[in-house]
Amino acid sequence: MKRDEITVMKAIAICYKPYLKPEEAMIYCNLGHTQLAKRLGEFGIYKNTRGYYKREELDLMMSGGEIKLVEKAAALPFSRRHCQ
């Protein structure tokens, strides 16, 4: 196989993975490191504990949809006494 063919195969495989590494997310979203970080911050998308981004959230970001930060905050394991 040629190097270009391997690159194309990896790019296609990224489209089917449920979680993406930061480097893969840059390729998937077609954004550079700085632009990706800015957009992720605007949409409230963060890495999970293992350092991966959820592809569904990236899809939503690229389509211009909204991520409800209230729902994400409600899922966090904090008790109310820490927030007061």
C-alpha atoms as a PDB file:
ATOM      1  CA  MET A   1       0.000   0.000   0.000  1.00  0.00           C
ATOM      2  CA  LYS A   2       1.086   3.523  -0.702  1.00  0.00           C
ATOM      3  CA  ARG A   3       1.407   6.133   2.022  1.00  0.00           C
ATOM      4  CA  ASP A   4      -1.501   8.158   0.588  1.00  0.00           C
ATOM      5  CA  GLU A   5      -3.774   5.108   0.626  1.00  0.00           C
ATOM      6  CA  ILE A   6      -2.971   4.441   4.292  1.00  0.00           C
ATOM      7  CA  THR A   7      -3.708   8.080   5.152  1.00  0.00           C
ATOM      8  CA  VAL A   8      -7.090   7.902   3.413  1.00  0.00           C
ATOM      9  CA  MET A   9      -7.933   4.650   5.197  1.00  0.00           C
ATOM     10  CA  LYS A  10      -7.105   6.216   8.578  1.00  0.00           C
ATOM     11  CA  ALA A  11      -9.242   9.264   7.768  1.00  0.00           C
ATOM     12  CA  ILE A  12     -12.192   7.050   6.875  1.00  0.00           C
ATOM     13  CA  ALA A  13     -11.724   4.994  10.052  1.00  0.00           C
ATOM     14  CA  ILE A  14     -11.892   8.206  12.142  1.00  0.00           C
ATOM     15  CA  CYS A  15     -15.440   8.794  10.879  1.00  0.00           C
ATOM     16  CA  TYR A  16     -16.648   5.574  12.519  1.00  0.00           C
ATOM     17  CA  LYS A  17     -14.930   5.848  15.910  1.00  0.00           C
ATOM     18  CA  PRO A  18     -17.209   6.943  18.788  1.00  0.00           C
ATOM     19  CA  TYR A  19     -14.374   8.750  20.612  1.00  0.00           C
ATOM     20  CA  LEU A  20     -11.528  10.699  19.015  1.00  0.00           C
ATOM     21  CA  LYS A  21      -8.074  11.683  20.217  1.00  0.00           C
ATOM     22  CA  PRO A  22      -7.302  15.421  20.019  1.00  0.00           C
ATOM     23  CA  GLU A  23      -5.219  14.907  16.851  1.00  0.00           C
ATOM     24  CA  GLU A  24      -8.029  12.911  15.256  1.00  0.00           C
ATOM     25  CA  ALA A  25     -10.558  15.574  16.254  1.00  0.00           C
ATOM     26  CA  MET A  26      -8.464  18.186  14.442  1.00  0.00           C
ATOM     27  CA  ILE A  27      -8.539  16.070  11.275  1.00  0.00           C
ATOM     28  CA  TYR A  28     -12.230  15.193  11.669  1.00  0.00           C
ATOM     29  CA  CYS A  29     -13.278  18.844  12.126  1.00  0.00           C
ATOM     30  CA  ASN A  30     -10.750  20.139   9.578  1.00  0.00           C
ATOM     31  CA  LEU A  31      -9.511  22.737  12.062  1.00  0.00           C
ATOM     32  CA  GLY A  32      -6.093  23.634  13.396  1.00  0.00           C
ATOM     33  CA  HIS A  33      -5.189  23.282  17.056  1.00  0.00           C
ATOM     34  CA  THR A  34      -6.056  26.866  18.005  1.00  0.00           C
ATOM     35  CA  GLN A  35      -9.311  27.016  16.034  1.00  0.00           C
ATOM     36  CA  LEU A  36     -10.438  23.659  17.435  1.00  0.00           C
ATOM     37  CA  ALA A  37      -9.696  24.716  21.018  1.00  0.00           C
ATOM     38  CA  LYS A  38     -11.650  27.953  20.529  1.00  0.00           C
ATOM     39  CA  ARG A  39     -14.688  26.223  19.008  1.00  0.00           C
ATOM     40  CA  LEU A  40     -14.692  23.478  21.644  1.00  0.00           C
ATOM     41  CA  GLY A  41     -14.652  26.109  24.371  1.00  0.00           C
ATOM     42  CA  GLU A  42     -17.531  28.002  22.749  1.00  0.00           C
ATOM     43  CA  PHE A  43     -19.653  24.859  22.612  1.00  0.00           C
ATOM     44  CA  GLY A  44     -18.648  23.547  26.030  1.00  0.00           C
ATOM     45  CA  ILE A  45     -17.098  20.359  24.677  1.00  0.00           C
ATOM     46  CA  TYR A  46     -14.396  18.840  26.858  1.00  0.00           C
ATOM     47  CA  LYS A  47     -12.290  15.687  26.835  1.00  0.00           C
ATOM     48  CA  ASN A  48     -13.445  12.749  28.901  1.00  0.00           C
ATOM     49  CA  THR A  49     -11.281  11.322  31.690  1.00  0.00           C
ATOM     50  CA  ARG A  50      -9.236   9.351  29.180  1.00  0.00           C
ATOM     51  CA  GLY A  51      -8.499  12.393  27.010  1.00  0.00           C
ATOM     52  CA  TYR A  52     -10.900  11.692  24.149  1.00  0.00           C
ATOM     53  CA  TYR A  53     -13.638  13.812  22.558  1.00  0.00           C
ATOM     54  CA  LYS A  54     -17.074  12.358  21.883  1.00  0.00           C
ATOM     55  CA  ARG A  55     -17.705  12.271  18.131  1.00  0.00           C
ATOM     56  CA  GLU A  56     -21.439  12.990  18.559  1.00  0.00           C
ATOM     57  CA  GLU A  57     -20.607  16.284  20.280  1.00  0.00           C
ATOM     58  CA  LEU A  58     -18.145  17.174  17.524  1.00  0.00           C
ATOM     59  CA  ASP A  59     -20.836  16.428  14.929  1.00  0.00           C
ATOM     60  CA  LEU A  60     -23.242  18.700  16.764  1.00  0.00           C
ATOM     61  CA  MET A  61     -20.621  21.453  16.910  1.00  0.00           C
ATOM     62  CA  MET A  62     -19.874  21.197  13.196  1.00  0.00           C
ATOM     63  CA  SER A  63     -23.566  21.282  12.298  1.00  0.00           C
ATOM     64  CA  GLY A  64     -24.040  24.473  14.303  1.00  0.00           C
ATOM     65  CA  GLY A  65     -26.274  22.838  16.905  1.00  0.00           C
ATOM     66  CA  GLU A  66     -26.343  23.763  20.556  1.00  0.00           C
ATOM     67  CA  ILE A  67     -25.076  21.700  23.439  1.00  0.00           C
ATOM     68  CA  LYS A  68     -27.051  22.275  26.586  1.00  0.00           C
ATOM     69  CA  LEU A  69     -24.493  23.090  29.253  1.00  0.00           C
ATOM     70  CA  VAL A  70     -27.139  22.853  31.953  1.00  0.00           C
ATOM     71  CA  GLU A  71     -27.695  19.171  31.152  1.00  0.00           C
ATOM     72  CA  LYS A  72     -23.962  18.524  31.128  1.00  0.00           C
ATOM     73  CA  ALA A  73     -23.545  20.319  34.457  1.00  0.00           C
ATOM     74  CA  ALA A  74     -26.366  18.307  36.011  1.00  0.00           C
ATOM     75  CA  ALA A  75     -24.529  15.103  35.118  1.00  0.00           C
ATOM     76  CA  LEU A  76     -21.418  16.121  37.073  1.00  0.00           C
ATOM     77  CA  PRO A  77     -20.829  14.278  40.353  1.00  0.00           C
ATOM     78  CA  PHE A  78     -20.801  17.377  42.587  1.00  0.00           C
ATOM     79  CA  SER A  79     -23.078  17.845  45.529  1.00  0.00           C
ATOM     80  CA  ARG A  80     -24.936  21.107  46.098  1.00  0.00           C
ATOM     81  CA  ARG A  81     -22.961  22.015  49.205  1.00  0.00           C
ATOM     82  CA  HIS A  82     -19.794  22.468  47.119  1.00  0.00           C
ATOM     83  CA  CYS A  83     -21.514  25.047  44.924  1.00  0.00           C
ATOM     84  CA  GLN A  84     -22.776  27.299  47.715  1.00  0.00           C
END
